[in-house]
PDB file of N, CA and C in Angstrom:
ATOM      1  N   UNK A   1       0.821  -1.191   0.000  1.00  0.00           N
ATOM      2  CA  UNK A   1       0.000   0.000   0.000  1.00  0.00           C
ATOM      3  C   UNK A   1       0.867   1.258   0.000  1.00  0.00           C
ATOM      4  N   UNK A   2       1.974   1.200   0.694  1.00  0.00           N
ATOM      5  CA  UNK A   2       2.857   2.364   0.712  1.00  0.00           C
ATOM      6  C   UNK A   2       3.381   2.696  -0.672  1.00  0.00           C
ATOM      7  N   UNK A   3       3.641   1.655  -1.452  1.00  0.00           N
ATOM      8  CA  UNK A   3       4.187   1.861  -2.788  1.00  0.00           C
ATOM      9  C   UNK A   3       3.157   2.480  -3.729  1.00  0.00           C
ATOM     10  N   UNK A   4       1.875   2.312  -3.444  1.00  0.00           N
ATOM     11  CA  UNK A   4       0.815   2.836  -4.313  1.00  0.00           C
ATOM     12  C   UNK A   4      -0.145   3.702  -3.504  1.00  0.00           C
ATOM     13  N   UNK A   5       0.423   4.502  -2.641  1.00  0.00           N
ATOM     14  CA  UNK A   5      -0.366   5.328  -1.720  1.00  0.00           C
ATOM     15  C   UNK A   5      -1.352   6.238  -2.465  1.00  0.00           C
ATOM     16  N   UNK A   6      -0.922   6.808  -3.548  1.00  0.00           N
ATOM     17  CA  UNK A   6      -1.802   7.697  -4.319  1.00  0.00           C
ATOM     18  C   UNK A   6      -3.012   6.937  -4.877  1.00  0.00           C
ATOM     19  N   UNK A   7      -2.777   5.726  -5.380  1.00  0.00           N
ATOM     20  CA  UNK A   7      -3.875   4.907  -5.896  1.00  0.00           C
ATOM     21  C   UNK A   7      -4.859   4.535  -4.793  1.00  0.00           C
ATOM     22  N   UNK A   8      -4.319   4.159  -3.626  1.00  0.00           N
ATOM     23  CA  UNK A   8      -5.181   3.785  -2.503  1.00  0.00           C
ATOM     24  C   UNK A   8      -5.975   4.986  -1.996  1.00  0.00           C
ATOM     25  N   UNK A   9      -5.346   6.126  -1.928  1.00  0.00           N
ATOM     26  CA  UNK A   9      -6.046   7.342  -1.492  1.00  0.00           C
ATOM     27  C   UNK A   9      -7.156   7.690  -2.464  1.00  0.00           C
ATOM     28  N   UNK A  10      -6.853   7.578  -3.736  1.00  0.00           N
ATOM     29  CA  UNK A  10      -7.860   7.858  -4.765  1.00  0.00           C
ATOM     30  C   UNK A  10      -9.052   6.908  -4.634  1.00  0.00           C
ATOM     31  N   UNK A  11      -8.776   5.619  -4.460  1.00  0.00           N
ATOM     32  CA  UNK A  11      -9.853   4.640  -4.318  1.00  0.00           C
ATOM     33  C   UNK A  11     -10.652   4.876  -3.036  1.00  0.00           C
ATOM     34  N   UNK A  12      -9.948   5.099  -1.941  1.00  0.00           N
ATOM     35  CA  UNK A  12     -10.612   5.230  -0.640  1.00  0.00           C
ATOM     36  C   UNK A  12     -11.425   6.509  -0.515  1.00  0.00           C
ATOM     37  N   UNK A  13     -11.119   7.509  -1.319  1.00  0.00           N
ATOM     38  CA  UNK A  13     -11.852   8.783  -1.207  1.00  0.00           C
ATOM     39  C   UNK A  13     -12.829   9.013  -2.357  1.00  0.00           C
ATOM     40  N   UNK A  14     -12.934   8.053  -3.270  1.00  0.00           N
ATOM     41  CA  UNK A  14     -13.872   8.232  -4.382  1.00  0.00           C
ATOM     42  C   UNK A  14     -15.316   8.147  -3.877  1.00  0.00           C
ATOM     43  N   UNK A  15     -16.251   8.555  -4.714  1.00  0.00           N
ATOM     44  CA  UNK A  15     -17.659   8.611  -4.303  1.00  0.00           C
ATOM     45  C   UNK A  15     -18.245   7.238  -4.013  1.00  0.00           C
ATOM     46  N   UNK A  16     -17.888   6.234  -4.803  1.00  0.00           N
ATOM     47  CA  UNK A  16     -18.456   4.894  -4.645  1.00  0.00           C
ATOM     48  C   UNK A  16     -17.381   3.815  -4.700  1.00  0.00           C
ATOM     49  N   UNK A  17     -16.571   3.690  -3.658  1.00  0.00           N
ATOM     50  CA  UNK A  17     -15.488   2.707  -3.702  1.00  0.00           C
ATOM     51  C   UNK A  17     -15.981   1.265  -3.801  1.00  0.00           C
ATOM     52  N   UNK A  18     -17.223   1.010  -3.384  1.00  0.00           N
ATOM     53  CA  UNK A  18     -17.762  -0.350  -3.485  1.00  0.00           C
ATOM     54  C   UNK A  18     -17.988  -0.761  -4.935  1.00  0.00           C
ATOM     55  N   UNK A  19     -18.064   0.210  -5.835  1.00  0.00           N
ATOM     56  CA  UNK A  19     -18.281  -0.076  -7.251  1.00  0.00           C
ATOM     57  C   UNK A  19     -17.011   0.036  -8.085  1.00  0.00           C
ATOM     58  N   UNK A  20     -16.013   0.710  -7.572  1.00  0.00           N
ATOM     59  CA  UNK A  20     -14.764   0.914  -8.309  1.00  0.00           C
ATOM     60  C   UNK A  20     -13.755  -0.181  -7.983  1.00  0.00           C
ATOM     61  N   UNK A  21     -12.932  -0.556  -8.951  1.00  0.00           N
ATOM     62  CA  UNK A  21     -11.917  -1.591  -8.685  1.00  0.00           C
ATOM     63  C   UNK A  21     -10.862  -1.082  -7.710  1.00  0.00           C
ATOM     64  N   UNK A  22     -10.387  -1.990  -6.877  1.00  0.00           N
ATOM     65  CA  UNK A  22      -9.321  -1.649  -5.935  1.00  0.00           C
ATOM     66  C   UNK A  22      -8.008  -1.532  -6.702  1.00  0.00           C
ATOM     67  N   UNK A  23      -7.033  -0.834  -6.126  1.00  0.00           N
ATOM     68  CA  UNK A  23      -5.718  -0.753  -6.787  1.00  0.00           C
ATOM     69  C   UNK A  23      -5.115  -2.143  -6.989  1.00  0.00           C
ATOM     70  N   UNK A  24      -4.431  -2.290  -8.116  1.00  0.00           N
ATOM     71  CA  UNK A  24      -3.777  -3.572  -8.425  1.00  0.00           C
ATOM     72  C   UNK A  24      -2.619  -3.788  -7.469  1.00  0.00           C
ATOM     73  N   UNK A  25      -2.329  -4.982  -7.127  1.00  0.00           N
ATOM     74  CA  UNK A  25      -2.879  -6.244  -7.612  1.00  0.00           C
ATOM     75  C   UNK A  25      -4.053  -6.748  -6.766  1.00  0.00           C
ATOM     76  N   UNK A  26      -4.533  -5.943  -5.827  1.00  0.00           N
ATOM     77  CA  UNK A  26      -5.540  -6.405  -4.873  1.00  0.00           C
ATOM     78  C   UNK A  26      -6.896  -6.704  -5.506  1.00  0.00           C
ATOM     79  N   UNK A  27      -7.239  -6.019  -6.568  1.00  0.00           N
ATOM     80  CA  UNK A  27      -8.513  -6.286  -7.234  1.00  0.00           C
ATOM     81  C   UNK A  27      -8.594  -7.743  -7.685  1.00  0.00           C
ATOM     82  N   UNK A  28      -7.493  -8.286  -8.140  1.00  0.00           N
ATOM     83  CA  UNK A  28      -7.474  -9.667  -8.626  1.00  0.00           C
ATOM     84  C   UNK A  28      -7.186 -10.678  -7.530  1.00  0.00           C
ATOM     85  N   UNK A  29      -6.494 -10.260  -6.477  1.00  0.00           N
ATOM     86  CA  UNK A  29      -6.047 -11.212  -5.453  1.00  0.00           C
ATOM     87  C   UNK A  29      -7.087 -11.468  -4.364  1.00  0.00           C
ATOM     88  N   UNK A  30      -7.950 -10.496  -4.093  1.00  0.00           N
ATOM     89  CA  UNK A  30      -8.906 -10.649  -3.007  1.00  0.00           C
ATOM     90  C   UNK A  30     -10.230 -11.223  -3.503  1.00  0.00           C
ATOM     91  N   UNK A  31     -10.882 -11.984  -2.619  1.00  0.00           N
ATOM     92  CA  UNK A  31     -12.226 -12.464  -2.930  1.00  0.00           C
ATOM     93  C   UNK A  31     -13.200 -11.294  -2.723  1.00  0.00           C
ATOM     94  N   UNK A  32     -14.405 -11.470  -3.190  1.00  0.00           N
ATOM     95  CA  UNK A  32     -15.408 -10.412  -3.011  1.00  0.00           C
ATOM     96  C   UNK A  32     -15.652 -10.130  -1.533  1.00  0.00           C
ATOM     97  N   UNK A  33     -15.647 -11.167  -0.708  1.00  0.00           N
ATOM     98  CA  UNK A  33     -15.856 -10.972   0.728  1.00  0.00           C
ATOM     99  C   UNK A  33     -14.680 -10.220   1.352  1.00  0.00           C
ATOM    100  N   UNK A  34     -13.479 -10.558   0.959  1.00  0.00           N
ATOM    101  CA  UNK A  34     -12.296  -9.856   1.461  1.00  0.00           C
ATOM    102  C   UNK A  34     -12.317  -8.385   1.054  1.00  0.00           C
ATOM    103  N   UNK A  35     -12.845  -8.104  -0.128  1.00  0.00           N
ATOM    104  CA  UNK A  35     -12.978  -6.712  -0.567  1.00  0.00           C
ATOM    105  C   UNK A  35     -13.948  -5.955   0.341  1.00  0.00           C
ATOM    106  N   UNK A  36     -14.975  -6.633   0.792  1.00  0.00           N
ATOM    107  CA  UNK A  36     -15.909  -6.007   1.742  1.00  0.00           C
ATOM    108  C   UNK A  36     -15.197  -5.666   3.050  1.00  0.00           C
ATOM    109  N   UNK A  37     -14.336  -6.550   3.484  1.00  0.00           N
ATOM    110  CA  UNK A  37     -13.573  -6.297   4.713  1.00  0.00           C
ATOM    111  C   UNK A  37     -12.655  -5.094   4.522  1.00  0.00           C
ATOM    112  N   UNK A  38     -11.995  -5.023   3.377  1.00  0.00           N
ATOM    113  CA  UNK A  38     -11.133  -3.869   3.101  1.00  0.00           C
ATOM    114  C   UNK A  38     -11.947  -2.577   3.060  1.00  0.00           C
ATOM    115  N   UNK A  39     -13.124  -2.645   2.482  1.00  0.00           N
ATOM    116  CA  UNK A  39     -13.979  -1.463   2.417  1.00  0.00           C
ATOM    117  C   UNK A  39     -14.373  -1.015   3.820  1.00  0.00           C
ATOM    118  N   UNK A  40     -14.622  -1.967   4.702  1.00  0.00           N
ATOM    119  CA  UNK A  40     -14.966  -1.628   6.084  1.00  0.00           C
ATOM    120  C   UNK A  40     -13.837  -0.860   6.762  1.00  0.00           C
ATOM    121  N   UNK A  41     -12.617  -1.218   6.440  1.00  0.00           N
ATOM    122  CA  UNK A  41     -11.462  -0.529   7.019  1.00  0.00           C
ATOM    123  C   UNK A  41     -11.388   0.914   6.528  1.00  0.00           C
ATOM    124  N   UNK A  42     -11.578   1.115   5.223  1.00  0.00           N
ATOM    125  CA  UNK A  42     -11.406   2.433   4.636  1.00  0.00           C
ATOM    126  C   UNK A  42     -12.669   3.293   4.656  1.00  0.00           C
ATOM    127  N   UNK A  43     -13.818   2.695   4.387  1.00  0.00           N
ATOM    128  CA  UNK A  43     -15.069   3.457   4.255  1.00  0.00           C
ATOM    129  C   UNK A  43     -16.241   2.674   4.847  1.00  0.00           C
ATOM    130  N   UNK A  44     -16.323   2.574   6.168  1.00  0.00           N
ATOM    131  CA  UNK A  44     -17.374   1.760   6.783  1.00  0.00           C
ATOM    132  C   UNK A  44     -18.790   2.198   6.412  1.00  0.00           C
ATOM    133  N   UNK A  45     -18.980   3.455   6.064  1.00  0.00           N
ATOM    134  CA  UNK A  45     -20.324   3.930   5.700  1.00  0.00           C
ATOM    135  C   UNK A  45     -20.795   3.368   4.360  1.00  0.00           C
ATOM    136  N   UNK A  46     -19.892   2.798   3.577  1.00  0.00           N
ATOM    137  CA  UNK A  46     -20.236   2.220   2.276  1.00  0.00           C
ATOM    138  C   UNK A  46     -20.429   0.705   2.337  1.00  0.00           C
ATOM    139  N   UNK A  47     -20.287   0.126   3.519  1.00  0.00           N
ATOM    140  CA  UNK A  47     -20.318  -1.321   3.648  1.00  0.00           C
ATOM    141  C   UNK A  47     -21.676  -1.919   3.282  1.00  0.00           C
ATOM    142  N   UNK A  48     -22.769  -1.280   3.641  1.00  0.00           N
ATOM    143  CA  UNK A  48     -24.087  -1.823   3.310  1.00  0.00           C
ATOM    144  C   UNK A  48     -24.290  -1.877   1.795  1.00  0.00           C
ATOM    145  N   UNK A  49     -23.783  -0.889   1.078  1.00  0.00           N
ATOM    146  CA  UNK A  49     -23.864  -0.910  -0.386  1.00  0.00           C
ATOM    147  C   UNK A  49     -23.029  -2.060  -0.952  1.00  0.00           C
ATOM    148  N   UNK A  50     -21.869  -2.287  -0.341  1.00  0.00           N
ATOM    149  CA  UNK A  50     -21.003  -3.384  -0.795  1.00  0.00           C
ATOM    150  C   UNK A  50     -21.663  -4.735  -0.524  1.00  0.00           C
ATOM    151  N   UNK A  51     -22.320  -4.873   0.616  1.00  0.00           N
ATOM    152  CA  UNK A  51     -23.021  -6.129   0.916  1.00  0.00           C
ATOM    153  C   UNK A  51     -24.161  -6.363  -0.071  1.00  0.00           C
ATOM    154  N   UNK A  52     -24.829  -5.296  -0.444  1.00  0.00           N
ATOM    155  CA  UNK A  52     -25.903  -5.422  -1.429  1.00  0.00           C
ATOM    156  C   UNK A  52     -25.332  -5.935  -2.757  1.00  0.00           C
ATOM    157  N   UNK A  53     -24.201  -5.383  -3.167  1.00  0.00           N
ATOM    158  CA  UNK A  53     -23.534  -5.858  -4.387  1.00  0.00           C
ATOM    159  C   UNK A  53     -23.108  -7.319  -4.242  1.00  0.00           C
ATOM    160  N   UNK A  54     -22.586  -7.663  -3.065  1.00  0.00           N
ATOM    161  CA  UNK A  54     -22.126  -9.025  -2.807  1.00  0.00           C
ATOM    162  C   UNK A  54     -23.283 -10.021  -2.927  1.00  0.00           C
ATOM    163  N   UNK A  55     -24.390  -9.696  -2.294  1.00  0.00           N
ATOM    164  CA  UNK A  55     -25.553 -10.580  -2.346  1.00  0.00           C
ATOM    165  C   UNK A  55     -26.063 -10.694  -3.777  1.00  0.00           C
ATOM    166  N   UNK A  56     -26.105  -9.581  -4.501  1.00  0.00           N
ATOM    167  CA  UNK A  56     -26.547  -9.606  -5.900  1.00  0.00           C
ATOM    168  C   UNK A  56     -25.666 -10.534  -6.730  1.00  0.00           C
ATOM    169  N   UNK A  57     -24.353 -10.451  -6.564  1.00  0.00           N
ATOM    170  CA  UNK A  57     -23.425 -11.252  -7.364  1.00  0.00           C
ATOM    171  C   UNK A  57     -23.456 -12.730  -6.993  1.00  0.00           C
ATOM    172  N   UNK A  58     -23.629 -13.038  -5.710  1.00  0.00           N
ATOM    173  CA  UNK A  58     -23.496 -14.424  -5.257  1.00  0.00           C
ATOM    174  C   UNK A  58     -24.822 -15.147  -5.023  1.00  0.00           C
ATOM    175  N   UNK A  59     -25.893 -14.402  -4.853  1.00  0.00           N
ATOM    176  CA  UNK A  59     -27.181 -15.040  -4.591  1.00  0.00           C
ATOM    177  C   UNK A  59     -28.237 -14.690  -5.632  1.00  0.00           C
ATOM    178  N   UNK A  60     -28.120 -13.506  -6.225  1.00  0.00           N
ATOM    179  CA  UNK A  60     -29.069 -13.108  -7.252  1.00  0.00           C
ATOM    180  C   UNK A  60     -29.822 -11.837  -6.909  1.00  0.00           C
ATOM    181  N   UNK A  61     -30.361 -11.205  -7.920  1.00  0.00           N
ATOM    182  CA  UNK A  61     -31.081  -9.939  -7.799  1.00  0.00           C
ATOM    183  C   UNK A  61     -32.322 -10.069  -6.920  1.00  0.00           C
ATOM    184  N   UNK A  62     -32.957 -11.245  -6.924  1.00  0.00           N
ATOM    185  CA  UNK A  62     -34.171 -11.472  -6.148  1.00  0.00           C
ATOM    186  C   UNK A  62     -33.969 -11.115  -4.679  1.00  0.00           C
ATOM    187  N   UNK A  63     -32.795 -11.411  -4.123  1.00  0.00           N
ATOM    188  CA  UNK A  63     -32.527 -11.187  -2.705  1.00  0.00           C
ATOM    189  C   UNK A  63     -32.164  -9.742  -2.383  1.00  0.00           C
ATOM    190  N   UNK A  64     -32.030  -8.917  -3.398  1.00  0.00           N
ATOM    191  CA  UNK A  64     -31.677  -7.512  -3.209  1.00  0.00           C
ATOM    192  C   UNK A  64     -32.893  -6.611  -3.382  1.00  0.00           C
ATOM    193  N   UNK A  65     -33.763  -6.973  -4.323  1.00  0.00           N
ATOM    194  CA  UNK A  65     -34.922  -6.139  -4.625  1.00  0.00           C
ATOM    195  C   UNK A  65     -35.959  -6.216  -3.509  1.00  0.00           C
ATOM    196  N   UNK A  66     -36.569  -5.088  -3.225  1.00  0.00           N
ATOM    197  CA  UNK A  66     -37.668  -5.054  -2.269  1.00  0.00           C
ATOM    198  C   UNK A  66     -38.875  -5.733  -2.897  1.00  0.00           C
ATOM    199  N   UNK A  67     -39.535  -6.525  -2.105  1.00  0.00           N
ATOM    200  CA  UNK A  67     -40.717  -7.219  -2.590  1.00  0.00           C
ATOM    201  C   UNK A  67     -41.946  -6.345  -2.363  1.00  0.00           C
ATOM    202  N   UNK A  68     -42.804  -6.258  -3.355  1.00  0.00           N
ATOM    203  CA  UNK A  68     -44.027  -5.483  -3.238  1.00  0.00           C
ATOM    204  C   UNK A  68     -45.040  -6.288  -2.426  1.00  0.00           C
ATOM    205  N   UNK A  69     -45.550  -5.656  -1.402  1.00  0.00           N
ATOM    206  CA  UNK A  69     -46.528  -6.309  -0.537  1.00  0.00           C
ATOM    207  C   UNK A  69     -47.832  -5.540  -0.634  1.00  0.00           C
ATOM    208  N   UNK A  70     -48.910  -6.263  -0.843  1.00  0.00           N
ATOM    209  CA  UNK A  70     -50.228  -5.640  -0.898  1.00  0.00           C
ATOM    210  C   UNK A  70     -51.038  -6.099   0.306  1.00  0.00           C
ATOM    211  N   UNK A  71     -52.051  -5.333   0.637  1.00  0.00           N
ATOM    212  CA  UNK A  71     -52.923  -5.721   1.737  1.00  0.00           C
ATOM    213  C   UNK A  71     -53.605  -7.055   1.433  1.00  0.00           C
ATOM    214  N   UNK A  72     -53.898  -7.292   0.158  1.00  0.00           N
ATOM    215  CA  UNK A  72     -54.534  -8.546  -0.226  1.00  0.00           C
ATOM    216  C   UNK A  72     -53.629  -9.740   0.080  1.00  0.00           C
ATOM    217  N   UNK A  73     -52.335  -9.634  -0.246  1.00  0.00           N
ATOM    218  CA  UNK A  73     -51.418 -10.743   0.032  1.00  0.00           C
ATOM    219  C   UNK A  73     -51.203 -10.922   1.536  1.00  0.00           C
ATOM    220  N   UNK A  74     -51.195  -9.821   2.277  1.00  0.00           N
ATOM    221  CA  UNK A  74     -51.069  -9.918   3.738  1.00  0.00           C
ATOM    222  C   UNK A  74     -52.311 -10.583   4.319  1.00  0.00           C
ATOM    223  N   UNK A  75     -53.466 -10.201   3.838  1.00  0.00           N
ATOM    224  CA  UNK A  75     -54.731 -10.740   4.339  1.00  0.00           C
ATOM    225  C   UNK A  75     -54.808 -12.253   4.162  1.00  0.00           C
ATOM    226  N   UNK A  76     -54.278 -12.764   3.073  1.00  0.00           N
ATOM    227  CA  UNK A  76     -54.309 -14.212   2.828  1.00  0.00           C
ATOM    228  C   UNK A  76     -53.502 -14.989   3.863  1.00  0.00           C
ATOM    229  N   UNK A  77     -52.568 -14.316   4.549  1.00  0.00           N
ATOM    230  CA  UNK A  77     -51.754 -14.979   5.572  1.00  0.00           C
ATOM    231  C   UNK A  77     -52.377 -14.904   6.963  1.00  0.00           C
ATOM    232  N   UNK A  78     -53.533 -14.286   7.096  1.00  0.00           N
ATOM    233  CA  UNK A  78     -54.167 -14.153   8.404  1.00  0.00           C
ATOM    234  C   UNK A  78     -55.398 -15.048   8.488  1.00  0.00           C
ATOM    235  N   UNK A  79     -55.834 -15.292   9.698  1.00  0.00           N
ATOM    236  CA  UNK A  79     -57.103 -15.968   9.949  1.00  0.00           C
ATOM    237  C   UNK A  79     -57.610 -15.506  11.304  1.00  0.00           C
ATOM    238  N   UNK A  80     -58.676 -16.149  11.813  1.00  0.00           N
ATOM    239  CA  UNK A  80     -59.260 -15.682  13.079  1.00  0.00           C
ATOM    240  C   UNK A  80     -58.322 -15.867  14.273  1.00  0.00           C
ATOM    241  N   UNK A  81     -57.300 -16.693  14.121  1.00  0.00           N
ATOM    242  CA  UNK A  81     -56.331 -16.898  15.196  1.00  0.00           C
ATOM    243  C   UNK A  81     -54.993 -16.195  14.948  1.00  0.00           C
ATOM    244  N   UNK A  82     -54.858 -15.597  13.786  1.00  0.00           N
ATOM    245  CA  UNK A  82     -53.602 -14.940  13.417  1.00  0.00           C
ATOM    246  C   UNK A  82     -53.867 -13.462  13.150  1.00  0.00           C
ATOM    247  N   UNK A  83     -53.604 -12.604  14.129  1.00  0.00           N
ATOM    248  CA  UNK A  83     -53.871 -11.177  13.927  1.00  0.00           C
ATOM    249  C   UNK A  83     -52.825 -10.542  13.021  1.00  0.00           C
ATOM    250  N   UNK A  84     -53.158  -9.381  12.533  1.00  0.00           N
ATOM    251  CA  UNK A  84     -52.237  -8.597  11.711  1.00  0.00           C
ATOM    252  C   UNK A  84     -51.677  -7.489  12.587  1.00  0.00           C
ATOM    253  N   UNK A  85     -50.376  -7.502  12.780  1.00  0.00           N
ATOM    254  CA  UNK A  85     -49.705  -6.509  13.616  1.00  0.00           C
ATOM    255  C   UNK A  85     -48.665  -5.811  12.756  1.00  0.00           C
ATOM    256  N   UNK A  86     -48.721  -4.486  12.687  1.00  0.00           N
ATOM    257  CA  UNK A  86     -47.740  -3.705  11.940  1.00  0.00           C
ATOM    258  C   UNK A  86     -46.706  -3.172  12.914  1.00  0.00           C
ATOM    259  N   UNK A  87     -45.457  -3.432  12.646  1.00  0.00           N
ATOM    260  CA  UNK A  87     -44.356  -2.826  13.390  1.00  0.00           C
ATOM    261  C   UNK A  87     -43.695  -1.879  12.412  1.00  0.00           C
ATOM    262  N   UNK A  88     -43.795  -0.603  12.698  1.00  0.00           N
ATOM    263  CA  UNK A  88     -43.433   0.406  11.715  1.00  0.00           C
ATOM    264  C   UNK A  88     -42.095   1.050  11.998  1.00  0.00           C
ATOM    265  N   UNK A  89     -41.492   1.542  10.933  1.00  0.00           N
ATOM    266  CA  UNK A  89     -40.289   2.359  11.053  1.00  0.00           C
ATOM    267  C   UNK A  89     -40.679   3.801  10.723  1.00  0.00           C
ATOM    268  N   UNK A  90     -39.794   4.705  10.964  1.00  0.00           N
ATOM    269  CA  UNK A  90     -40.049   6.116  10.719  1.00  0.00           C
ATOM    270  C   UNK A  90     -40.480   6.336   9.269  1.00  0.00           C
ATOM    271  N   UNK A  91     -41.586   7.033   9.093  1.00  0.00           N
ATOM    272  CA  UNK A  91     -42.071   7.359   7.769  1.00  0.00           C
ATOM    273  C   UNK A  91     -43.000   6.324   7.161  1.00  0.00           C
ATOM    274  N   UNK A  92     -43.139   5.166   7.793  1.00  0.00           N
ATOM    275  CA  UNK A  92     -44.024   4.121   7.266  1.00  0.00           C
ATOM    276  C   UNK A  92     -45.381   4.238   7.951  1.00  0.00           C
ATOM    277  N   UNK A  93     -46.421   4.345   7.158  1.00  0.00           N
ATOM    278  CA  UNK A  93     -47.768   4.427   7.712  1.00  0.00           C
ATOM    279  C   UNK A  93     -48.753   3.738   6.771  1.00  0.00           C
ATOM    280  N   UNK A  94     -49.105   2.491   7.077  1.00  0.00           N
ATOM    281  CA  UNK A  94     -50.022   1.750   6.213  1.00  0.00           C
ATOM    282  C   UNK A  94     -51.499   2.003   6.535  1.00  0.00           C
ATOM    283  N   UNK A  95     -51.791   2.959   7.394  1.00  0.00           N
ATOM    284  CA  UNK A  95     -53.169   3.176   7.846  1.00  0.00           C
ATOM    285  C   UNK A  95     -54.127   3.409   6.693  1.00  0.00           C
ATOM    286  N   UNK A  96     -53.791   4.294   5.774  1.00  0.00           N
ATOM    287  CA  UNK A  96     -54.686   4.588   4.656  1.00  0.00           C
ATOM    288  C   UNK A  96     -54.933   3.351   3.791  1.00  0.00           C
ATOM    289  N   UNK A  97     -53.874   2.591   3.517  1.00  0.00           N
ATOM    290  CA  UNK A  97     -54.029   1.380   2.711  1.00  0.00           C
ATOM    291  C   UNK A  97     -54.884   0.352   3.443  1.00  0.00           C
ATOM    292  N   UNK A  98     -54.708   0.250   4.755  1.00  0.00           N
ATOM    293  CA  UNK A  98     -55.492  -0.692   5.548  1.00  0.00           C
ATOM    294  C   UNK A  98     -56.970  -0.305   5.574  1.00  0.00           C
ATOM    295  N   UNK A  99     -57.250   0.966   5.769  1.00  0.00           N
ATOM    296  CA  UNK A  99     -58.645   1.437   5.795  1.00  0.00           C
ATOM    297  C   UNK A  99     -59.298   1.218   4.432  1.00  0.00           C
ATOM    298  N   UNK A 100     -58.584   1.539   3.362  1.00  0.00           N
ATOM    299  CA  UNK A 100     -59.132   1.321   2.015  1.00  0.00           C
ATOM    300  C   UNK A 100     -59.409  -0.159   1.773  1.00  0.00           C
ATOM    301  N   UNK A 101     -58.484  -1.012   2.167  1.00  0.00           N
ATOM    302  CA  UNK A 101     -58.671  -2.446   1.984  1.00  0.00           C
ATOM    303  C   UNK A 101     -59.862  -2.951   2.794  1.00  0.00           C
ATOM    304  N   UNK A 102     -60.003  -2.479   4.018  1.00  0.00           N
ATOM    305  CA  UNK A 102     -61.129  -2.931   4.849  1.00  0.00           C
ATOM    306  C   UNK A 102     -62.463  -2.496   4.243  1.00  0.00           C
ATOM    307  N   UNK A 103     -62.507  -1.307   3.657  1.00  0.00           N
ATOM    308  CA  UNK A 103     -63.737  -0.862   2.984  1.00  0.00           C
ATOM    309  C   UNK A 103     -64.015  -1.705   1.750  1.00  0.00           C
ATOM    310  N   UNK A 104     -62.966  -1.985   0.952  1.00  0.00           N
ATOM    311  CA  UNK A 104     -63.136  -2.800  -0.252  1.00  0.00           C
ATOM    312  C   UNK A 104     -63.646  -4.205   0.083  1.00  0.00           C
ATOM    313  N   UNK A 105     -63.219  -4.732   1.206  1.00  0.00           N
ATOM    314  CA  UNK A 105     -63.616  -6.076   1.612  1.00  0.00           C
ATOM    315  C   UNK A 105     -64.918  -6.089   2.431  1.00  0.00           C
ATOM    316  N   UNK A 106     -65.435  -4.890   2.764  1.00  0.00           N
ATOM    317  CA  UNK A 106     -66.646  -4.809   3.571  1.00  0.00           C
ATOM    318  C   UNK A 106     -66.408  -5.064   5.046  1.00  0.00           C
ATOM    319  N   UNK A 107     -65.189  -4.867   5.503  1.00  0.00           N
ATOM    320  CA  UNK A 107     -64.839  -5.107   6.902  1.00  0.00           C
ATOM    321  C   UNK A 107     -64.660  -3.824   7.700  1.00  0.00           C
ATOM    322  N   UNK A 108     -64.927  -2.670   7.099  1.00  0.00           N
ATOM    323  CA  UNK A 108     -64.605  -1.411   7.765  1.00  0.00           C
ATOM    324  C   UNK A 108     -65.300  -1.260   9.110  1.00  0.00           C
ATOM    325  N   UNK A 109     -66.476  -1.838   9.296  1.00  0.00           N
ATOM    326  CA  UNK A 109     -67.164  -1.732  10.592  1.00  0.00           C
ATOM    327  C   UNK A 109     -66.511  -2.636  11.641  1.00  0.00           C
ATOM    328  N   UNK A 110     -65.711  -3.625  11.194  1.00  0.00           N
ATOM    329  CA  UNK A 110     -65.080  -4.556  12.140  1.00  0.00           C
ATOM    330  C   UNK A 110     -63.577  -4.264  12.344  1.00  0.00           C
ATOM    331  N   UNK A 111     -63.053  -3.221  11.685  1.00  0.00           N
ATOM    332  CA  UNK A 111     -61.635  -2.904  11.790  1.00  0.00           C
ATOM    333  C   UNK A 111     -61.382  -2.189  13.113  1.00  0.00           C
ATOM    334  N   UNK A 112     -60.455  -2.743  13.874  1.00  0.00           N
ATOM    335  CA  UNK A 112     -60.043  -2.132  15.146  1.00  0.00           C
ATOM    336  C   UNK A 112     -58.555  -1.831  15.077  1.00  0.00           C
ATOM    337  N   UNK A 113     -58.201  -0.589  15.257  1.00  0.00           N
ATOM    338  CA  UNK A 113     -56.781  -0.208  15.262  1.00  0.00           C
ATOM    339  C   UNK A 113     -56.412   0.263  16.649  1.00  0.00           C
ATOM    340  N   UNK A 114     -55.203  -0.017  17.038  1.00  0.00           N
ATOM    341  CA  UNK A 114     -54.689   0.416  18.346  1.00  0.00           C
ATOM    342  C   UNK A 114     -53.349   1.087  18.077  1.00  0.00           C
ATOM    343  N   UNK A 115     -53.217   2.319  18.493  1.00  0.00           N
ATOM    344  CA  UNK A 115     -51.951   3.032  18.349  1.00  0.00           C
ATOM    345  C   UNK A 115     -51.198   2.955  19.670  1.00  0.00           C
ATOM    346  N   UNK A 116     -49.975   2.482  19.608  1.00  0.00           N
ATOM    347  CA  UNK A 116     -49.168   2.372  20.807  1.00  0.00           C
ATOM    348  C   UNK A 116     -48.229   3.566  20.980  1.00  0.00           C
ATOM    349  N   UNK A 117     -48.358   4.553  20.063  1.00  0.00           N
ATOM    350  CA  UNK A 117     -47.431   5.687  20.074  1.00  0.00           C
ATOM    351  C   UNK A 117     -47.901   6.854  20.830  1.00  0.00           C
TER     352      UNK A 117
END
């Protein structure tokens, strides 16, 4: 690394080091997982992007893409003994979709919501 300090600095400070090749000969010598470890050393904030690339390359695009979930598909997984519980993150609010779905199904009079916030 000392011999190619300028190359390493350039790679480590670029906008997307997880997408750019590492300085030679390390690009060819390291496995994809080892490259993730190197990225953690230099740019830990880019590690999640590198893991996404790793999963895409080794497992497939299916495991990277967000799956579209509809109220209809969620409803099929419930029954009278299996309640539907939403655990939300900041900015996520399925209330409108749930109310619309309950009206479409004719369940709006039986919909009970409880806010724990």
